[in-house]
Amino acid sequence: MKDLIEIRWHGRGGQGAKTASLLLADAAFNTGKYIQGFPEYGPERMGAPITAYNRISNTPIRIHSNIYEPDYVVVVDDTLLESVNVTAGLKQDGAIIINTTKEHSKIKELLSNYAGNIYTINARKISIEALGKYFPNTAMLAAIVKVSEIMKDEEFLEDMKGSFAHKFAKKPEVIEGNMKALELALKEIQKVN
């Protein structure tokens, strides 16, 4: 991992982008990294576009601002590709990860101004299969860990098992489904050629 990784999340209110960014921060912290995980608040409401951020480093982080030139962008809702400039400032040697069922040719067309790596994942299918409901953030969390290589898959899954046990202490029945969603996402992320 390079010394500082910056990630920007784009989603809609209620899809869990903020929660996923905070879970990623916790997981990275538990592996000894320095972290930041924070949302950008405005007049958000259910369904409105939201942005969240992560900084992950091997050394203390002295920057305290939004992220304008991310290494990675995670797009939790592909409808944002047509209304938000999700690649703004995205480094060419980084990557964008998109929750979508669109054909790769359509994704490339929508992101024609970006020449870096593009990855897709069908977080809806994974979520429905693993959880029985549409919660895309769990699959997207695993996807960014896989693409960014912030930590090894096994280390990530082990940490998330503990995080979910704490987060869902009053609903332990959802832990197994969330773990399954993570495992599926780690396997199903696809690079767009």
N, C-alpha and C. Protein backbone atom coordinates (compact mmCIF):
# COMPACT_ATOMS: atom_id res chain seq x y z
N MET A 1 0.85 -1.18 0.00
CA MET A 1 0.00 0.00 0.00
C MET A 1 0.89 1.24 0.00
N LYS A 2 0.55 2.21 -0.84
CA LYS A 2 1.31 3.45 -0.78
C LYS A 2 0.99 4.17 0.51
N ASP A 3 1.78 5.18 0.84
CA ASP A 3 1.69 5.80 2.16
C ASP A 3 0.33 6.39 2.49
N LEU A 4 -0.31 7.04 1.52
CA LEU A 4 -1.62 7.64 1.78
C LEU A 4 -2.57 7.29 0.64
N ILE A 5 -3.70 6.72 0.99
CA ILE A 5 -4.74 6.40 0.02
C ILE A 5 -5.96 7.24 0.36
N GLU A 6 -6.50 7.92 -0.67
CA GLU A 6 -7.69 8.74 -0.47
C GLU A 6 -8.83 8.18 -1.34
N ILE A 7 -9.98 8.03 -0.71
CA ILE A 7 -11.15 7.42 -1.36
C ILE A 7 -12.34 8.36 -1.22
N ARG A 8 -13.08 8.51 -2.32
CA ARG A 8 -14.32 9.30 -2.30
C ARG A 8 -15.47 8.37 -2.65
N TRP A 9 -16.52 8.42 -1.87
CA TRP A 9 -17.72 7.61 -2.07
C TRP A 9 -18.83 8.50 -2.60
N HIS A 10 -19.55 8.02 -3.61
CA HIS A 10 -20.75 8.70 -4.12
C HIS A 10 -21.92 7.73 -3.99
N GLY A 11 -22.98 8.18 -3.36
CA GLY A 11 -24.17 7.35 -3.23
C GLY A 11 -25.39 8.23 -3.07
N ARG A 12 -26.45 7.61 -2.66
CA ARG A 12 -27.68 8.35 -2.36
C ARG A 12 -28.03 8.09 -0.90
N GLY A 13 -28.65 9.07 -0.28
CA GLY A 13 -29.04 8.94 1.12
C GLY A 13 -29.83 7.65 1.34
N GLY A 14 -29.43 6.87 2.32
CA GLY A 14 -30.12 5.63 2.64
C GLY A 14 -29.48 4.39 2.05
N GLN A 15 -28.46 4.55 1.19
CA GLN A 15 -27.81 3.39 0.58
C GLN A 15 -26.61 2.89 1.39
N GLY A 16 -26.19 3.65 2.38
CA GLY A 16 -25.13 3.19 3.26
C GLY A 16 -23.72 3.57 2.87
N ALA A 17 -23.54 4.55 1.99
CA ALA A 17 -22.18 4.97 1.61
C ALA A 17 -21.43 5.50 2.83
N LYS A 18 -22.10 6.30 3.64
CA LYS A 18 -21.47 6.83 4.86
C LYS A 18 -21.08 5.70 5.80
N THR A 19 -21.99 4.77 6.01
CA THR A 19 -21.71 3.63 6.89
C THR A 19 -20.55 2.81 6.37
N ALA A 20 -20.52 2.55 5.06
CA ALA A 20 -19.43 1.78 4.47
C ALA A 20 -18.10 2.48 4.66
N SER A 21 -18.07 3.81 4.49
CA SER A 21 -16.81 4.54 4.66
C SER A 21 -16.33 4.45 6.11
N LEU A 22 -17.26 4.48 7.05
CA LEU A 22 -16.88 4.37 8.46
C LEU A 22 -16.43 2.95 8.81
N LEU A 23 -17.08 1.94 8.23
CA LEU A 23 -16.64 0.55 8.45
C LEU A 23 -15.25 0.32 7.87
N LEU A 24 -14.98 0.90 6.69
CA LEU A 24 -13.66 0.79 6.09
C LEU A 24 -12.61 1.44 7.00
N ALA A 25 -12.93 2.61 7.53
CA ALA A 25 -12.01 3.29 8.44
C ALA A 25 -11.71 2.42 9.66
N ASP A 26 -12.76 1.82 10.24
CA ASP A 26 -12.56 0.94 11.40
C ASP A 26 -11.68 -0.25 11.06
N ALA A 27 -11.94 -0.88 9.93
CA ALA A 27 -11.17 -2.06 9.54
C ALA A 27 -9.70 -1.70 9.32
N ALA A 28 -9.45 -0.58 8.64
CA ALA A 28 -8.07 -0.15 8.40
C ALA A 28 -7.38 0.21 9.72
N PHE A 29 -8.11 0.87 10.61
CA PHE A 29 -7.55 1.22 11.93
C PHE A 29 -7.14 -0.04 12.69
N ASN A 30 -7.97 -1.06 12.61
CA ASN A 30 -7.68 -2.31 13.32
C ASN A 30 -6.47 -3.04 12.77
N THR A 31 -6.00 -2.66 11.59
CA THR A 31 -4.77 -3.26 11.04
C THR A 31 -3.56 -2.35 11.29
N GLY A 32 -3.75 -1.32 12.12
CA GLY A 32 -2.64 -0.47 12.49
C GLY A 32 -2.44 0.76 11.63
N LYS A 33 -3.40 1.04 10.76
CA LYS A 33 -3.29 2.21 9.88
C LYS A 33 -3.84 3.45 10.59
N TYR A 34 -3.43 4.59 10.11
CA TYR A 34 -4.04 5.86 10.51
C TYR A 34 -5.19 6.10 9.55
N ILE A 35 -6.29 6.61 10.06
CA ILE A 35 -7.49 6.68 9.21
C ILE A 35 -8.28 7.97 9.42
N GLN A 36 -9.08 8.27 8.41
CA GLN A 36 -10.16 9.24 8.50
C GLN A 36 -11.33 8.66 7.72
N GLY A 37 -12.50 8.81 8.23
CA GLY A 37 -13.72 8.42 7.52
C GLY A 37 -14.80 9.41 7.89
N PHE A 38 -15.32 10.12 6.90
CA PHE A 38 -16.28 11.17 7.22
C PHE A 38 -17.18 11.45 6.02
N PRO A 39 -18.43 11.86 6.31
CA PRO A 39 -19.35 12.25 5.23
C PRO A 39 -19.28 13.75 5.00
N GLU A 40 -19.78 14.17 3.86
CA GLU A 40 -19.97 15.59 3.59
C GLU A 40 -21.46 15.84 3.71
N TYR A 41 -21.83 16.64 4.68
CA TYR A 41 -23.24 16.87 4.92
C TYR A 41 -23.74 18.13 4.25
N GLY A 42 -24.94 18.05 3.79
CA GLY A 42 -25.66 19.18 3.23
C GLY A 42 -27.11 18.92 3.55
N PRO A 43 -28.01 19.32 2.67
CA PRO A 43 -29.43 19.10 2.93
C PRO A 43 -29.89 17.70 2.51
N GLU A 44 -29.02 16.67 2.76
CA GLU A 44 -29.34 15.33 2.30
C GLU A 44 -30.63 14.80 2.92
N ARG A 45 -31.26 13.99 2.13
CA ARG A 45 -32.43 13.26 2.58
C ARG A 45 -32.43 11.93 1.82
N MET A 46 -33.30 11.05 2.17
CA MET A 46 -33.37 9.75 1.52
C MET A 46 -33.41 9.92 0.00
N GLY A 47 -32.46 9.31 -0.69
CA GLY A 47 -32.43 9.36 -2.14
C GLY A 47 -31.62 10.49 -2.75
N ALA A 48 -31.24 11.49 -1.95
CA ALA A 48 -30.45 12.61 -2.47
C ALA A 48 -28.97 12.20 -2.57
N PRO A 49 -28.23 12.73 -3.54
CA PRO A 49 -26.80 12.40 -3.65
C PRO A 49 -26.03 12.80 -2.40
N ILE A 50 -25.15 11.91 -1.96
CA ILE A 50 -24.28 12.20 -0.81
C ILE A 50 -22.84 11.82 -1.17
N THR A 51 -21.91 12.36 -0.41
CA THR A 51 -20.50 12.06 -0.60
C THR A 51 -19.90 11.72 0.76
N ALA A 52 -19.03 10.73 0.77
CA ALA A 52 -18.29 10.36 1.98
C ALA A 52 -16.83 10.15 1.58
N TYR A 53 -15.95 10.16 2.57
CA TYR A 53 -14.52 10.11 2.28
C TYR A 53 -13.78 9.20 3.24
N ASN A 54 -12.63 8.68 2.75
CA ASN A 54 -11.68 7.95 3.58
C ASN A 54 -10.27 8.40 3.26
N ARG A 55 -9.46 8.51 4.27
CA ARG A 55 -8.01 8.61 4.12
C ARG A 55 -7.44 7.48 4.94
N ILE A 56 -6.50 6.74 4.35
CA ILE A 56 -5.87 5.62 5.04
C ILE A 56 -4.37 5.74 4.80
N SER A 57 -3.60 5.70 5.90
CA SER A 57 -2.17 5.95 5.79
C SER A 57 -1.37 5.10 6.76
N ASN A 58 -0.09 4.94 6.44
CA ASN A 58 0.83 4.27 7.35
C ASN A 58 1.43 5.25 8.36
N THR A 59 1.22 6.54 8.14
CA THR A 59 1.75 7.58 9.02
C THR A 59 0.61 8.50 9.42
N PRO A 60 0.80 9.29 10.48
CA PRO A 60 -0.28 10.20 10.91
C PRO A 60 -0.75 11.10 9.76
N ILE A 61 -2.05 11.36 9.74
CA ILE A 61 -2.67 12.17 8.69
C ILE A 61 -2.84 13.58 9.22
N ARG A 62 -2.27 14.53 8.51
CA ARG A 62 -2.31 15.93 8.95
C ARG A 62 -3.30 16.76 8.12
N ILE A 63 -3.89 16.17 7.09
CA ILE A 63 -4.83 16.86 6.22
C ILE A 63 -6.23 16.74 6.84
N HIS A 64 -6.95 17.84 6.84
CA HIS A 64 -8.32 17.82 7.37
C HIS A 64 -9.22 18.61 6.43
N SER A 65 -9.53 18.00 5.29
CA SER A 65 -10.40 18.64 4.30
C SER A 65 -11.09 17.54 3.51
N ASN A 66 -12.02 17.95 2.66
CA ASN A 66 -12.60 16.99 1.73
C ASN A 66 -11.50 16.48 0.81
N ILE A 67 -11.79 15.47 0.04
CA ILE A 67 -10.80 14.89 -0.87
C ILE A 67 -11.14 15.33 -2.28
N TYR A 68 -10.20 16.04 -2.89
CA TYR A 68 -10.42 16.60 -4.22
C TYR A 68 -9.70 15.83 -5.32
N GLU A 69 -8.67 15.06 -4.96
CA GLU A 69 -7.93 14.26 -5.94
C GLU A 69 -7.78 12.83 -5.40
N PRO A 70 -8.89 12.08 -5.38
CA PRO A 70 -8.86 10.74 -4.79
C PRO A 70 -8.06 9.74 -5.63
N ASP A 71 -7.57 8.72 -4.93
CA ASP A 71 -6.95 7.58 -5.61
C ASP A 71 -8.04 6.65 -6.13
N TYR A 72 -9.13 6.57 -5.38
CA TYR A 72 -10.24 5.68 -5.73
C TYR A 72 -11.56 6.40 -5.53
N VAL A 73 -12.51 6.05 -6.39
CA VAL A 73 -13.89 6.54 -6.25
C VAL A 73 -14.80 5.31 -6.23
N VAL A 74 -15.74 5.29 -5.29
CA VAL A 74 -16.73 4.22 -5.19
C VAL A 74 -18.09 4.84 -5.50
N VAL A 75 -18.77 4.30 -6.51
CA VAL A 75 -20.09 4.79 -6.90
C VAL A 75 -21.11 3.73 -6.52
N VAL A 76 -21.89 4.02 -5.49
CA VAL A 76 -22.85 3.07 -4.95
C VAL A 76 -24.12 3.01 -5.79
N ASP A 77 -24.41 4.07 -6.55
CA ASP A 77 -25.62 4.14 -7.37
C ASP A 77 -25.23 4.64 -8.76
N ASP A 78 -25.36 3.77 -9.77
CA ASP A 78 -24.89 4.13 -11.12
C ASP A 78 -25.70 5.24 -11.78
N THR A 79 -26.87 5.61 -11.25
CA THR A 79 -27.60 6.73 -11.83
C THR A 79 -26.84 8.04 -11.61
N LEU A 80 -25.93 8.05 -10.65
CA LEU A 80 -25.14 9.25 -10.39
C LEU A 80 -24.13 9.53 -11.50
N LEU A 81 -23.82 8.52 -12.32
CA LEU A 81 -22.88 8.70 -13.41
C LEU A 81 -23.36 9.76 -14.40
N GLU A 82 -24.67 9.93 -14.48
CA GLU A 82 -25.24 10.88 -15.43
C GLU A 82 -25.56 12.24 -14.80
N SER A 83 -25.44 12.36 -13.47
CA SER A 83 -25.80 13.63 -12.85
C SER A 83 -24.69 14.25 -11.99
N VAL A 84 -23.67 13.47 -11.64
CA VAL A 84 -22.57 13.94 -10.80
C VAL A 84 -21.26 13.63 -11.51
N ASN A 85 -20.33 14.56 -11.49
CA ASN A 85 -19.01 14.31 -12.09
C ASN A 85 -18.19 13.46 -11.12
N VAL A 86 -18.46 12.16 -11.12
CA VAL A 86 -17.83 11.26 -10.15
C VAL A 86 -16.33 11.10 -10.36
N THR A 87 -15.83 11.39 -11.56
CA THR A 87 -14.39 11.25 -11.81
C THR A 87 -13.62 12.55 -11.59
N ALA A 88 -14.28 13.59 -11.11
CA ALA A 88 -13.60 14.87 -10.87
C ALA A 88 -12.38 14.66 -9.98
N GLY A 89 -11.20 15.00 -10.50
CA GLY A 89 -9.98 14.90 -9.72
C GLY A 89 -9.42 13.51 -9.54
N LEU A 90 -10.14 12.49 -10.02
CA LEU A 90 -9.70 11.10 -9.82
C LEU A 90 -8.38 10.86 -10.56
N LYS A 91 -7.40 10.36 -9.82
CA LYS A 91 -6.07 10.13 -10.39
C LYS A 91 -6.13 9.05 -11.46
N GLN A 92 -5.41 9.27 -12.55
CA GLN A 92 -5.40 8.32 -13.67
C GLN A 92 -4.81 6.97 -13.27
N ASP A 93 -3.94 6.94 -12.25
CA ASP A 93 -3.37 5.67 -11.81
C ASP A 93 -4.20 5.04 -10.69
N GLY A 94 -5.37 5.60 -10.44
CA GLY A 94 -6.28 5.06 -9.45
C GLY A 94 -7.33 4.19 -10.11
N ALA A 95 -8.53 4.20 -9.55
CA ALA A 95 -9.61 3.38 -10.11
C ALA A 95 -10.95 3.88 -9.62
N ILE A 96 -11.98 3.57 -10.41
CA ILE A 96 -13.36 3.83 -10.03
C ILE A 96 -14.08 2.49 -9.96
N ILE A 97 -14.89 2.31 -8.94
CA ILE A 97 -15.65 1.07 -8.73
C ILE A 97 -17.13 1.45 -8.74
N ILE A 98 -17.88 0.78 -9.59
CA ILE A 98 -19.28 1.17 -9.81
C ILE A 98 -20.21 -0.02 -9.56
N ASN A 99 -21.25 0.22 -8.78
CA ASN A 99 -22.34 -0.74 -8.60
C ASN A 99 -23.25 -0.58 -9.81
N THR A 100 -23.25 -1.56 -10.70
CA THR A 100 -24.05 -1.42 -11.92
C THR A 100 -24.36 -2.76 -12.55
N THR A 101 -25.38 -2.75 -13.41
CA THR A 101 -25.67 -3.90 -14.27
C THR A 101 -25.49 -3.49 -15.73
N LYS A 102 -25.06 -2.25 -15.95
CA LYS A 102 -24.87 -1.76 -17.31
C LYS A 102 -23.73 -2.51 -18.00
N GLU A 103 -23.84 -2.61 -19.33
CA GLU A 103 -22.78 -3.22 -20.13
C GLU A 103 -21.50 -2.40 -19.97
N HIS A 104 -20.37 -3.08 -20.07
CA HIS A 104 -19.09 -2.40 -19.93
C HIS A 104 -18.93 -1.30 -20.98
N SER A 105 -19.44 -1.51 -22.19
CA SER A 105 -19.33 -0.49 -23.24
C SER A 105 -20.08 0.79 -22.85
N LYS A 106 -21.22 0.65 -22.19
CA LYS A 106 -22.01 1.81 -21.73
C LYS A 106 -21.26 2.55 -20.62
N ILE A 107 -20.65 1.80 -19.71
CA ILE A 107 -19.88 2.41 -18.62
C ILE A 107 -18.71 3.20 -19.19
N LYS A 108 -18.01 2.61 -20.16
CA LYS A 108 -16.87 3.30 -20.78
C LYS A 108 -17.34 4.58 -21.48
N GLU A 109 -18.51 4.52 -22.10
CA GLU A 109 -19.08 5.70 -22.77
C GLU A 109 -19.39 6.79 -21.75
N LEU A 110 -20.01 6.41 -20.63
CA LEU A 110 -20.36 7.37 -19.59
C LEU A 110 -19.13 7.99 -18.93
N LEU A 111 -18.02 7.23 -18.93
CA LEU A 111 -16.78 7.70 -18.29
C LEU A 111 -15.70 7.99 -19.33
N SER A 112 -16.11 8.44 -20.50
CA SER A 112 -15.15 8.65 -21.59
C SER A 112 -14.06 9.66 -21.27
N ASN A 113 -14.28 10.51 -20.27
CA ASN A 113 -13.26 11.49 -19.87
C ASN A 113 -12.25 10.92 -18.87
N TYR A 114 -12.39 9.64 -18.50
CA TYR A 114 -11.50 9.03 -17.52
C TYR A 114 -10.75 7.86 -18.15
N ALA A 115 -9.44 7.89 -18.09
CA ALA A 115 -8.62 6.88 -18.75
C ALA A 115 -8.06 5.84 -17.77
N GLY A 116 -8.38 5.95 -16.50
CA GLY A 116 -7.85 5.01 -15.51
C GLY A 116 -8.64 3.72 -15.46
N ASN A 117 -8.36 2.92 -14.44
CA ASN A 117 -9.01 1.62 -14.28
C ASN A 117 -10.46 1.78 -13.82
N ILE A 118 -11.31 0.94 -14.41
CA ILE A 118 -12.74 0.94 -14.09
C ILE A 118 -13.11 -0.48 -13.66
N TYR A 119 -13.82 -0.59 -12.55
CA TYR A 119 -14.30 -1.88 -12.06
C TYR A 119 -15.81 -1.80 -11.86
N THR A 120 -16.49 -2.91 -12.08
CA THR A 120 -17.92 -2.96 -11.83
C THR A 120 -18.26 -4.15 -10.94
N ILE A 121 -19.38 -4.01 -10.28
CA ILE A 121 -19.91 -5.08 -9.45
C ILE A 121 -21.43 -4.93 -9.39
N ASN A 122 -22.13 -6.04 -9.37
CA ASN A 122 -23.59 -6.00 -9.25
C ASN A 122 -23.94 -6.18 -7.77
N ALA A 123 -23.88 -5.08 -7.03
CA ALA A 123 -24.14 -5.13 -5.59
C ALA A 123 -25.60 -5.45 -5.29
N ARG A 124 -26.49 -5.13 -6.23
CA ARG A 124 -27.91 -5.47 -6.02
C ARG A 124 -28.08 -6.98 -5.97
N LYS A 125 -27.53 -7.68 -6.96
CA LYS A 125 -27.66 -9.14 -7.02
C LYS A 125 -27.03 -9.78 -5.77
N ILE A 126 -25.85 -9.32 -5.42
CA ILE A 126 -25.15 -9.87 -4.25
C ILE A 126 -25.97 -9.63 -2.98
N SER A 127 -26.47 -8.42 -2.83
CA SER A 127 -27.24 -8.07 -1.65
C SER A 127 -28.53 -8.89 -1.53
N ILE A 128 -29.25 -9.01 -2.62
CA ILE A 128 -30.50 -9.79 -2.61
C ILE A 128 -30.19 -11.26 -2.29
N GLU A 129 -29.14 -11.79 -2.92
CA GLU A 129 -28.77 -13.19 -2.68
C GLU A 129 -28.34 -13.43 -1.23
N ALA A 130 -27.53 -12.53 -0.69
CA ALA A 130 -26.97 -12.74 0.64
C ALA A 130 -27.87 -12.27 1.77
N LEU A 131 -28.60 -11.17 1.54
CA LEU A 131 -29.37 -10.55 2.62
C LEU A 131 -30.88 -10.60 2.43
N GLY A 132 -31.32 -10.87 1.19
CA GLY A 132 -32.75 -10.89 0.91
C GLY A 132 -33.33 -9.50 0.71
N LYS A 133 -32.49 -8.46 0.81
CA LYS A 133 -32.91 -7.07 0.62
C LYS A 133 -31.78 -6.33 -0.07
N TYR A 134 -32.09 -5.13 -0.55
CA TYR A 134 -31.09 -4.34 -1.26
C TYR A 134 -30.36 -3.39 -0.32
N PHE A 135 -29.17 -3.79 0.09
CA PHE A 135 -28.25 -2.97 0.86
C PHE A 135 -26.90 -3.03 0.16
N PRO A 136 -26.63 -2.11 -0.79
CA PRO A 136 -25.43 -2.22 -1.61
C PRO A 136 -24.12 -1.93 -0.90
N ASN A 137 -24.18 -1.27 0.26
CA ASN A 137 -22.94 -0.81 0.88
C ASN A 137 -22.01 -1.94 1.30
N THR A 138 -22.54 -3.08 1.72
CA THR A 138 -21.67 -4.18 2.16
C THR A 138 -20.83 -4.69 1.00
N ALA A 139 -21.45 -4.92 -0.14
CA ALA A 139 -20.70 -5.39 -1.31
C ALA A 139 -19.70 -4.34 -1.80
N MET A 140 -20.08 -3.07 -1.74
CA MET A 140 -19.19 -2.01 -2.20
C MET A 140 -17.99 -1.86 -1.27
N LEU A 141 -18.19 -2.09 0.00
CA LEU A 141 -17.09 -2.07 0.98
C LEU A 141 -16.06 -3.13 0.61
N ALA A 142 -16.52 -4.35 0.34
CA ALA A 142 -15.60 -5.42 -0.04
C ALA A 142 -14.90 -5.10 -1.36
N ALA A 143 -15.64 -4.51 -2.29
CA ALA A 143 -15.07 -4.18 -3.60
C ALA A 143 -13.91 -3.20 -3.49
N ILE A 144 -14.06 -2.15 -2.67
CA ILE A 144 -12.96 -1.18 -2.53
C ILE A 144 -11.76 -1.80 -1.83
N VAL A 145 -12.00 -2.67 -0.89
CA VAL A 145 -10.88 -3.35 -0.22
C VAL A 145 -10.12 -4.22 -1.22
N LYS A 146 -10.85 -4.93 -2.06
CA LYS A 146 -10.23 -5.81 -3.06
C LYS A 146 -9.41 -5.00 -4.07
N VAL A 147 -9.99 -3.95 -4.62
CA VAL A 147 -9.32 -3.17 -5.66
C VAL A 147 -8.13 -2.38 -5.11
N SER A 148 -8.31 -1.77 -3.94
CA SER A 148 -7.26 -0.92 -3.37
C SER A 148 -6.16 -1.71 -2.68
N GLU A 149 -6.45 -2.96 -2.33
CA GLU A 149 -5.49 -3.81 -1.60
C GLU A 149 -5.05 -3.17 -0.29
N ILE A 150 -5.96 -2.49 0.37
CA ILE A 150 -5.68 -1.86 1.66
C ILE A 150 -5.28 -2.92 2.68
N MET A 151 -5.89 -4.09 2.57
CA MET A 151 -5.56 -5.22 3.44
C MET A 151 -5.87 -6.51 2.71
N LYS A 152 -5.36 -7.60 3.22
CA LYS A 152 -5.62 -8.92 2.62
C LYS A 152 -7.08 -9.30 2.85
N ASP A 153 -7.63 -10.07 1.91
CA ASP A 153 -9.03 -10.49 2.00
C ASP A 153 -9.34 -11.16 3.34
N GLU A 154 -8.47 -12.09 3.75
CA GLU A 154 -8.71 -12.86 4.98
C GLU A 154 -8.72 -11.94 6.20
N GLU A 155 -7.77 -11.01 6.23
CA GLU A 155 -7.66 -10.06 7.33
C GLU A 155 -8.92 -9.19 7.38
N PHE A 156 -9.38 -8.75 6.23
CA PHE A 156 -10.59 -7.93 6.13
C PHE A 156 -11.81 -8.71 6.63
N LEU A 157 -11.98 -9.94 6.15
CA LEU A 157 -13.15 -10.72 6.55
C LEU A 157 -13.15 -10.99 8.05
N GLU A 158 -11.99 -11.29 8.60
CA GLU A 158 -11.89 -11.55 10.03
C GLU A 158 -12.26 -10.30 10.83
N ASP A 159 -11.77 -9.15 10.39
CA ASP A 159 -12.08 -7.90 11.08
C ASP A 159 -13.57 -7.58 10.99
N MET A 160 -14.15 -7.79 9.80
CA MET A 160 -15.57 -7.48 9.62
C MET A 160 -16.46 -8.39 10.44
N LYS A 161 -16.04 -9.61 10.65
CA LYS A 161 -16.82 -10.52 11.50
C LYS A 161 -16.98 -9.91 12.90
N GLY A 162 -15.87 -9.37 13.43
CA GLY A 162 -15.92 -8.72 14.73
C GLY A 162 -16.73 -7.42 14.71
N SER A 163 -16.56 -6.64 13.64
CA SER A 163 -17.32 -5.38 13.52
C SER A 163 -18.81 -5.64 13.44
N PHE A 164 -19.19 -6.63 12.64
CA PHE A 164 -20.61 -6.96 12.51
C PHE A 164 -21.18 -7.50 13.82
N ALA A 165 -20.39 -8.28 14.55
CA ALA A 165 -20.86 -8.81 15.84
C ALA A 165 -21.18 -7.66 16.79
N HIS A 166 -20.36 -6.62 16.74
CA HIS A 166 -20.61 -5.45 17.59
C HIS A 166 -21.77 -4.61 17.04
N LYS A 167 -21.72 -4.30 15.74
CA LYS A 167 -22.73 -3.44 15.11
C LYS A 167 -24.13 -4.06 15.18
N PHE A 168 -24.19 -5.37 14.99
CA PHE A 168 -25.48 -6.05 14.96
C PHE A 168 -25.72 -6.90 16.21
N ALA A 169 -25.24 -6.44 17.35
CA ALA A 169 -25.39 -7.19 18.60
C ALA A 169 -26.85 -7.51 18.91
N LYS A 170 -27.74 -6.59 18.53
CA LYS A 170 -29.16 -6.81 18.81
C LYS A 170 -29.88 -7.49 17.66
N LYS A 171 -29.16 -7.71 16.53
CA LYS A 171 -29.74 -8.40 15.37
C LYS A 171 -28.72 -9.40 14.82
N PRO A 172 -28.29 -10.35 15.64
CA PRO A 172 -27.23 -11.27 15.18
C PRO A 172 -27.60 -12.10 13.95
N GLU A 173 -28.88 -12.19 13.65
CA GLU A 173 -29.32 -12.98 12.50
C GLU A 173 -28.86 -12.37 11.17
N VAL A 174 -28.48 -11.09 11.15
CA VAL A 174 -28.04 -10.46 9.90
C VAL A 174 -26.53 -10.58 9.65
N ILE A 175 -25.80 -11.07 10.63
CA ILE A 175 -24.34 -11.16 10.50
C ILE A 175 -23.95 -12.13 9.38
N GLU A 176 -24.54 -13.29 9.36
CA GLU A 176 -24.19 -14.30 8.36
C GLU A 176 -24.42 -13.79 6.94
N GLY A 177 -25.55 -13.12 6.70
CA GLY A 177 -25.85 -12.59 5.38
C GLY A 177 -24.86 -11.50 4.96
N ASN A 178 -24.49 -10.64 5.90
CA ASN A 178 -23.52 -9.59 5.59
C ASN A 178 -22.14 -10.18 5.28
N MET A 179 -21.75 -11.21 6.01
CA MET A 179 -20.47 -11.87 5.73
C MET A 179 -20.51 -12.54 4.35
N LYS A 180 -21.63 -13.14 4.02
CA LYS A 180 -21.77 -13.76 2.70
C LYS A 180 -21.67 -12.71 1.59
N ALA A 181 -22.29 -11.54 1.82
CA ALA A 181 -22.22 -10.46 0.83
C ALA A 181 -20.78 -10.01 0.62
N LEU A 182 -20.01 -9.91 1.69
CA LEU A 182 -18.60 -9.53 1.57
C LEU A 182 -17.83 -10.56 0.75
N GLU A 183 -18.04 -11.83 1.09
CA GLU A 183 -17.32 -12.91 0.39
C GLU A 183 -17.66 -12.94 -1.09
N LEU A 184 -18.93 -12.81 -1.42
CA LEU A 184 -19.35 -12.80 -2.83
C LEU A 184 -18.74 -11.62 -3.58
N ALA A 185 -18.76 -10.45 -2.95
CA ALA A 185 -18.24 -9.25 -3.61
C ALA A 185 -16.74 -9.38 -3.88
N LEU A 186 -16.01 -9.96 -2.96
CA LEU A 186 -14.56 -10.13 -3.17
C LEU A 186 -14.29 -10.99 -4.39
N LYS A 187 -15.21 -11.90 -4.72
CA LYS A 187 -15.03 -12.80 -5.86
C LYS A 187 -15.60 -12.21 -7.16
N GLU A 188 -16.63 -11.38 -7.05
CA GLU A 188 -17.38 -10.98 -8.26
C GLU A 188 -17.02 -9.62 -8.84
N ILE A 189 -16.11 -8.89 -8.22
CA ILE A 189 -15.69 -7.60 -8.77
C ILE A 189 -15.02 -7.84 -10.12
N GLN A 190 -15.37 -7.04 -11.14
CA GLN A 190 -14.84 -7.22 -12.50
C GLN A 190 -14.15 -5.97 -13.00
N LYS A 191 -13.03 -6.16 -13.65
CA LYS A 191 -12.33 -5.04 -14.28
C LYS A 191 -12.89 -4.84 -15.68
N VAL A 192 -13.17 -3.59 -16.04
CA VAL A 192 -13.66 -3.25 -17.38
C VAL A 192 -12.44 -3.08 -18.27
N ASN A 193 -12.39 -3.84 -19.37
CA ASN A 193 -11.24 -3.76 -20.29
C ASN A 193 -11.52 -2.82 -21.43
